[in-house]
Amino acid sequence: MTTTSEVGGSRARFEDKARALVGRRLTGIGYWDIIGDGSDRDLWDFGDWHHAVMGVELGTDADPVTVTWTNTFYPYGVEVFDEPIGRHVVEDPDGARRIGPDIEASSPWHPGS
């Protein structure tokens, strides 16, 4: 059984990691998905929203940051980690891999946009 103080401690750590992103400058982004189920699932750009099944790796002016699924607050949620996504997802051409986007001058992710 999880105690109230354990949940409170987990929530505080969770919020501290998310709060640490404030003020960082975004230098890159990579969406990760699972490929190889027989379909071409490179679709991630749906106009007003983007789809990243396995998670997102953010390049920042400090270090890479991963935002990926966890079960910290059972059963579904996302969590921020101050490390590359490779510590959480193993890249495989027939499995998990980076699907986009590339930051080009025309991209909304580009620093000049």
N, C-alpha and C. Protein backbone atom coordinates (compact mmCIF):
# COMPACT_ATOMS: atom_id res chain seq x y z
N MET A 1 0.84 -1.18 0.00
CA MET A 1 0.00 0.00 0.00
C MET A 1 0.88 1.24 0.00
N THR A 2 0.54 2.20 -0.84
CA THR A 2 1.29 3.44 -0.94
C THR A 2 0.75 4.44 0.07
N THR A 3 1.66 5.04 0.82
CA THR A 3 1.24 6.01 1.82
C THR A 3 1.09 7.39 1.19
N THR A 4 0.39 8.27 1.90
CA THR A 4 0.19 9.64 1.43
C THR A 4 1.52 10.36 1.29
N SER A 5 2.46 10.14 2.20
CA SER A 5 3.74 10.82 2.11
C SER A 5 4.56 10.31 0.92
N GLU A 6 4.43 9.02 0.57
CA GLU A 6 5.14 8.49 -0.61
C GLU A 6 4.60 9.13 -1.88
N VAL A 7 3.28 9.25 -1.98
CA VAL A 7 2.67 9.88 -3.14
C VAL A 7 3.08 11.35 -3.19
N GLY A 8 3.06 12.03 -2.07
CA GLY A 8 3.45 13.44 -2.02
C GLY A 8 4.90 13.63 -2.44
N GLY A 9 5.79 12.74 -2.03
CA GLY A 9 7.19 12.81 -2.41
C GLY A 9 7.37 12.56 -3.89
N SER A 10 6.66 11.59 -4.44
CA SER A 10 6.72 11.31 -5.87
C SER A 10 6.21 12.49 -6.67
N ARG A 11 5.12 13.08 -6.24
CA ARG A 11 4.55 14.23 -6.95
C ARG A 11 5.51 15.41 -6.89
N ALA A 12 6.14 15.65 -5.78
CA ALA A 12 7.09 16.76 -5.66
C ALA A 12 8.28 16.55 -6.61
N ARG A 13 8.81 15.34 -6.67
CA ARG A 13 9.92 15.04 -7.58
C ARG A 13 9.47 15.22 -9.03
N PHE A 14 8.28 14.74 -9.35
CA PHE A 14 7.71 14.86 -10.68
C PHE A 14 7.60 16.34 -11.08
N GLU A 15 7.04 17.15 -10.23
CA GLU A 15 6.84 18.56 -10.52
C GLU A 15 8.16 19.31 -10.58
N ASP A 16 9.13 18.96 -9.75
CA ASP A 16 10.44 19.60 -9.78
C ASP A 16 11.13 19.37 -11.12
N LYS A 17 11.02 18.14 -11.65
CA LYS A 17 11.66 17.83 -12.94
C LYS A 17 10.99 18.62 -14.07
N ALA A 18 9.69 18.72 -14.05
CA ALA A 18 9.00 19.50 -15.08
C ALA A 18 9.31 20.98 -14.94
N ARG A 19 9.35 21.48 -13.72
CA ARG A 19 9.63 22.90 -13.46
C ARG A 19 11.06 23.27 -13.91
N ALA A 20 11.98 22.32 -13.89
CA ALA A 20 13.36 22.58 -14.27
C ALA A 20 13.50 22.91 -15.76
N LEU A 21 12.47 22.65 -16.55
CA LEU A 21 12.50 22.99 -17.98
C LEU A 21 12.31 24.48 -18.23
N VAL A 22 11.71 25.18 -17.27
CA VAL A 22 11.44 26.60 -17.44
C VAL A 22 12.76 27.36 -17.61
N GLY A 23 12.82 28.16 -18.66
CA GLY A 23 14.00 28.98 -18.92
C GLY A 23 15.02 28.34 -19.84
N ARG A 24 14.88 27.06 -20.13
CA ARG A 24 15.80 26.41 -21.07
C ARG A 24 15.41 26.78 -22.49
N ARG A 25 16.43 26.86 -23.34
CA ARG A 25 16.20 27.16 -24.75
C ARG A 25 16.19 25.85 -25.52
N LEU A 26 15.17 25.67 -26.34
CA LEU A 26 15.03 24.46 -27.15
C LEU A 26 15.96 24.55 -28.34
N THR A 27 16.79 23.51 -28.53
CA THR A 27 17.72 23.47 -29.66
C THR A 27 17.42 22.33 -30.63
N GLY A 28 16.57 21.41 -30.25
CA GLY A 28 16.24 20.30 -31.12
C GLY A 28 15.09 19.49 -30.53
N ILE A 29 14.51 18.65 -31.36
CA ILE A 29 13.42 17.79 -30.90
C ILE A 29 13.40 16.52 -31.73
N GLY A 30 13.11 15.41 -31.10
CA GLY A 30 12.97 14.15 -31.80
C GLY A 30 11.79 13.38 -31.24
N TYR A 31 10.87 12.99 -32.11
CA TYR A 31 9.73 12.18 -31.71
C TYR A 31 10.10 10.71 -31.91
N TRP A 32 9.65 9.86 -31.03
CA TRP A 32 9.96 8.43 -31.08
C TRP A 32 8.69 7.61 -31.15
N ASP A 33 8.72 6.59 -31.98
CA ASP A 33 7.57 5.72 -32.17
C ASP A 33 8.07 4.29 -32.33
N ILE A 34 7.16 3.33 -32.32
CA ILE A 34 7.50 1.94 -32.59
C ILE A 34 7.07 1.64 -34.01
N ILE A 35 8.02 1.19 -34.79
CA ILE A 35 7.79 0.87 -36.20
C ILE A 35 7.97 -0.65 -36.34
N GLY A 36 7.50 -1.22 -37.41
CA GLY A 36 7.75 -2.63 -37.66
C GLY A 36 6.57 -3.53 -37.44
N ASP A 37 5.40 -2.96 -37.27
CA ASP A 37 4.21 -3.78 -37.09
C ASP A 37 3.52 -4.06 -38.42
N GLY A 38 4.25 -3.81 -39.53
CA GLY A 38 3.67 -4.05 -40.85
C GLY A 38 3.09 -2.81 -41.49
N SER A 39 3.02 -1.72 -40.76
CA SER A 39 2.50 -0.49 -41.34
C SER A 39 3.60 0.56 -41.37
N ASP A 40 3.44 1.54 -42.21
CA ASP A 40 4.38 2.65 -42.26
C ASP A 40 3.84 3.73 -41.33
N ARG A 41 4.38 3.77 -40.13
CA ARG A 41 3.82 4.67 -39.12
C ARG A 41 4.70 5.89 -38.90
N ASP A 42 5.27 6.42 -39.99
CA ASP A 42 6.08 7.62 -39.85
C ASP A 42 5.23 8.88 -39.74
N LEU A 43 3.93 8.74 -39.64
CA LEU A 43 3.06 9.90 -39.53
C LEU A 43 3.13 10.47 -38.12
N TRP A 44 3.52 11.72 -38.00
CA TRP A 44 3.57 12.36 -36.69
C TRP A 44 3.01 13.77 -36.75
N ASP A 45 3.00 14.39 -37.93
CA ASP A 45 2.58 15.78 -38.06
C ASP A 45 1.12 15.84 -38.50
N PHE A 46 0.27 16.26 -37.59
CA PHE A 46 -1.16 16.38 -37.89
C PHE A 46 -1.60 17.84 -37.82
N GLY A 47 -0.70 18.73 -38.24
CA GLY A 47 -1.03 20.15 -38.27
C GLY A 47 -0.94 20.79 -36.90
N ASP A 48 -2.07 20.94 -36.23
CA ASP A 48 -2.11 21.60 -34.93
C ASP A 48 -1.55 20.75 -33.80
N TRP A 49 -1.34 19.46 -34.05
CA TRP A 49 -0.81 18.60 -33.00
C TRP A 49 0.15 17.59 -33.61
N HIS A 50 1.06 17.13 -32.78
CA HIS A 50 2.06 16.14 -33.20
C HIS A 50 1.91 14.89 -32.35
N HIS A 51 2.26 13.75 -32.93
CA HIS A 51 2.06 12.46 -32.29
C HIS A 51 3.42 11.80 -32.03
N ALA A 52 3.74 11.55 -30.80
CA ALA A 52 4.99 10.88 -30.43
C ALA A 52 4.64 9.74 -29.48
N VAL A 53 4.51 8.54 -30.02
CA VAL A 53 4.00 7.40 -29.24
C VAL A 53 4.91 7.04 -28.07
N MET A 54 6.21 6.91 -28.32
CA MET A 54 7.12 6.46 -27.26
C MET A 54 7.64 7.60 -26.40
N GLY A 55 7.70 8.78 -26.96
CA GLY A 55 8.19 9.91 -26.20
C GLY A 55 8.85 10.94 -27.08
N VAL A 56 9.42 11.95 -26.44
CA VAL A 56 10.07 13.06 -27.11
C VAL A 56 11.42 13.29 -26.45
N GLU A 57 12.43 13.49 -27.29
CA GLU A 57 13.72 13.94 -26.76
C GLU A 57 13.89 15.39 -27.16
N LEU A 58 14.07 16.25 -26.17
CA LEU A 58 14.26 17.67 -26.42
C LEU A 58 15.73 17.99 -26.29
N GLY A 59 16.30 18.62 -27.31
CA GLY A 59 17.63 19.19 -27.17
C GLY A 59 17.46 20.53 -26.49
N THR A 60 18.24 20.80 -25.48
CA THR A 60 18.15 22.10 -24.80
C THR A 60 19.55 22.69 -24.69
N ASP A 61 19.61 23.95 -24.33
CA ASP A 61 20.90 24.61 -24.18
C ASP A 61 21.68 24.07 -22.98
N ALA A 62 21.05 23.27 -22.15
CA ALA A 62 21.75 22.64 -21.03
C ALA A 62 22.16 21.22 -21.41
N ASP A 63 21.22 20.32 -21.49
CA ASP A 63 21.45 18.92 -21.82
C ASP A 63 20.20 18.37 -22.47
N PRO A 64 20.28 17.17 -23.09
CA PRO A 64 19.06 16.57 -23.63
C PRO A 64 18.09 16.21 -22.51
N VAL A 65 16.82 16.29 -22.83
CA VAL A 65 15.75 15.98 -21.89
C VAL A 65 14.80 15.01 -22.58
N THR A 66 14.35 14.01 -21.86
CA THR A 66 13.39 13.05 -22.38
C THR A 66 12.06 13.25 -21.68
N VAL A 67 10.99 13.25 -22.46
CA VAL A 67 9.63 13.22 -21.92
C VAL A 67 9.02 11.94 -22.46
N THR A 68 8.73 11.00 -21.58
CA THR A 68 8.23 9.70 -22.02
C THR A 68 7.23 9.15 -21.02
N TRP A 69 6.55 8.10 -21.44
CA TRP A 69 5.52 7.46 -20.62
C TRP A 69 6.14 6.78 -19.41
N THR A 70 5.47 6.88 -18.29
CA THR A 70 5.85 6.14 -17.08
C THR A 70 4.57 5.68 -16.39
N ASN A 71 4.76 4.90 -15.36
CA ASN A 71 3.61 4.48 -14.54
C ASN A 71 3.75 5.02 -13.12
N THR A 72 4.44 6.13 -12.97
CA THR A 72 4.65 6.71 -11.65
C THR A 72 3.34 6.93 -10.90
N PHE A 73 2.34 7.40 -11.62
CA PHE A 73 1.04 7.67 -10.98
C PHE A 73 -0.04 6.78 -11.58
N TYR A 74 0.26 5.53 -11.79
CA TYR A 74 -0.58 4.45 -12.29
C TYR A 74 -1.81 4.93 -13.04
N PRO A 75 -2.11 4.35 -14.18
CA PRO A 75 -1.22 3.55 -15.00
C PRO A 75 -0.57 4.35 -16.11
N TYR A 76 -1.10 5.55 -16.43
CA TYR A 76 -0.57 6.30 -17.56
C TYR A 76 -0.17 7.70 -17.14
N GLY A 77 0.95 8.11 -17.63
CA GLY A 77 1.40 9.47 -17.39
C GLY A 77 2.70 9.70 -18.12
N VAL A 78 3.16 10.92 -18.13
CA VAL A 78 4.45 11.22 -18.71
C VAL A 78 5.34 11.81 -17.64
N GLU A 79 6.63 11.66 -17.86
CA GLU A 79 7.59 12.15 -16.89
C GLU A 79 8.78 12.74 -17.62
N VAL A 80 9.45 13.69 -16.99
CA VAL A 80 10.61 14.37 -17.55
C VAL A 80 11.87 13.76 -16.95
N PHE A 81 12.85 13.47 -17.82
CA PHE A 81 14.13 12.93 -17.37
C PHE A 81 15.26 13.77 -17.97
N ASP A 82 16.22 14.17 -17.15
CA ASP A 82 17.38 14.94 -17.61
C ASP A 82 18.42 14.02 -18.21
N GLU A 83 18.08 13.39 -19.31
CA GLU A 83 18.99 12.46 -19.98
C GLU A 83 18.43 12.14 -21.36
N PRO A 84 19.28 11.61 -22.25
CA PRO A 84 18.81 11.26 -23.59
C PRO A 84 17.77 10.15 -23.56
N ILE A 85 16.93 10.10 -24.58
CA ILE A 85 15.88 9.08 -24.66
C ILE A 85 16.47 7.68 -24.76
N GLY A 86 17.70 7.56 -25.23
CA GLY A 86 18.35 6.26 -25.34
C GLY A 86 18.51 5.53 -24.02
N ARG A 87 18.33 6.21 -22.92
CA ARG A 87 18.36 5.55 -21.60
C ARG A 87 17.02 4.91 -21.27
N HIS A 88 16.01 5.17 -22.11
CA HIS A 88 14.67 4.65 -21.85
C HIS A 88 14.12 3.82 -23.00
N VAL A 89 14.56 4.11 -24.21
CA VAL A 89 14.07 3.44 -25.40
C VAL A 89 15.27 2.97 -26.20
N VAL A 90 15.27 1.71 -26.59
CA VAL A 90 16.36 1.17 -27.40
C VAL A 90 16.01 1.33 -28.87
N GLU A 91 16.86 2.06 -29.62
CA GLU A 91 16.60 2.27 -31.05
C GLU A 91 16.82 0.99 -31.82
N ASP A 92 15.87 0.70 -32.71
CA ASP A 92 15.92 -0.52 -33.53
C ASP A 92 15.17 -0.22 -34.82
N PRO A 93 15.78 -0.51 -35.99
CA PRO A 93 15.10 -0.21 -37.26
C PRO A 93 13.74 -0.89 -37.39
N ASP A 94 13.54 -2.02 -36.73
CA ASP A 94 12.25 -2.72 -36.78
C ASP A 94 11.42 -2.50 -35.53
N GLY A 95 11.82 -1.55 -34.71
CA GLY A 95 11.12 -1.29 -33.47
C GLY A 95 11.07 0.20 -33.20
N ALA A 96 11.56 0.59 -32.04
CA ALA A 96 11.53 2.00 -31.66
C ALA A 96 12.57 2.78 -32.46
N ARG A 97 12.15 3.93 -32.96
CA ARG A 97 13.09 4.80 -33.65
C ARG A 97 12.56 6.22 -33.71
N ARG A 98 13.49 7.12 -33.98
CA ARG A 98 13.14 8.54 -34.13
C ARG A 98 12.38 8.71 -35.44
N ILE A 99 11.27 9.42 -35.39
CA ILE A 99 10.44 9.59 -36.58
C ILE A 99 10.35 11.04 -37.05
N GLY A 100 10.87 11.98 -36.33
CA GLY A 100 10.80 13.37 -36.79
C GLY A 100 10.72 14.30 -35.60
N PRO A 101 10.64 15.54 -35.79
CA PRO A 101 10.83 16.29 -37.02
C PRO A 101 12.28 16.72 -37.19
N ASP A 102 12.64 17.15 -38.37
CA ASP A 102 13.92 17.81 -38.58
C ASP A 102 13.66 19.30 -38.44
N ILE A 103 14.53 19.97 -37.74
CA ILE A 103 14.33 21.41 -37.53
C ILE A 103 14.97 22.15 -38.70
N GLU A 104 14.12 22.63 -39.57
CA GLU A 104 14.54 23.41 -40.72
C GLU A 104 14.03 24.83 -40.53
N ALA A 105 14.50 25.73 -41.35
CA ALA A 105 14.09 27.14 -41.22
C ALA A 105 12.59 27.30 -41.31
N SER A 106 11.90 26.41 -42.04
CA SER A 106 10.44 26.52 -42.20
C SER A 106 9.68 25.85 -41.06
N SER A 107 10.37 25.15 -40.18
CA SER A 107 9.72 24.42 -39.10
C SER A 107 9.29 25.35 -37.97
N PRO A 108 8.11 25.12 -37.37
CA PRO A 108 7.71 25.93 -36.22
C PRO A 108 8.65 25.72 -35.02
N TRP A 109 9.45 24.65 -35.04
CA TRP A 109 10.39 24.40 -33.95
C TRP A 109 11.68 25.19 -34.12
N HIS A 110 11.91 25.76 -35.30
CA HIS A 110 13.16 26.47 -35.57
C HIS A 110 13.24 27.70 -34.66
N PRO A 111 14.44 27.97 -34.10
CA PRO A 111 14.57 29.11 -33.19
C PRO A 111 14.15 30.45 -33.77
N GLY A 112 14.22 30.61 -35.10
CA GLY A 112 13.85 31.88 -35.72
C GLY A 112 12.37 32.00 -36.03
N SER A 113 11.59 30.97 -35.76
CA SER A 113 10.16 31.01 -36.09
C SER A 113 9.36 31.76 -35.06
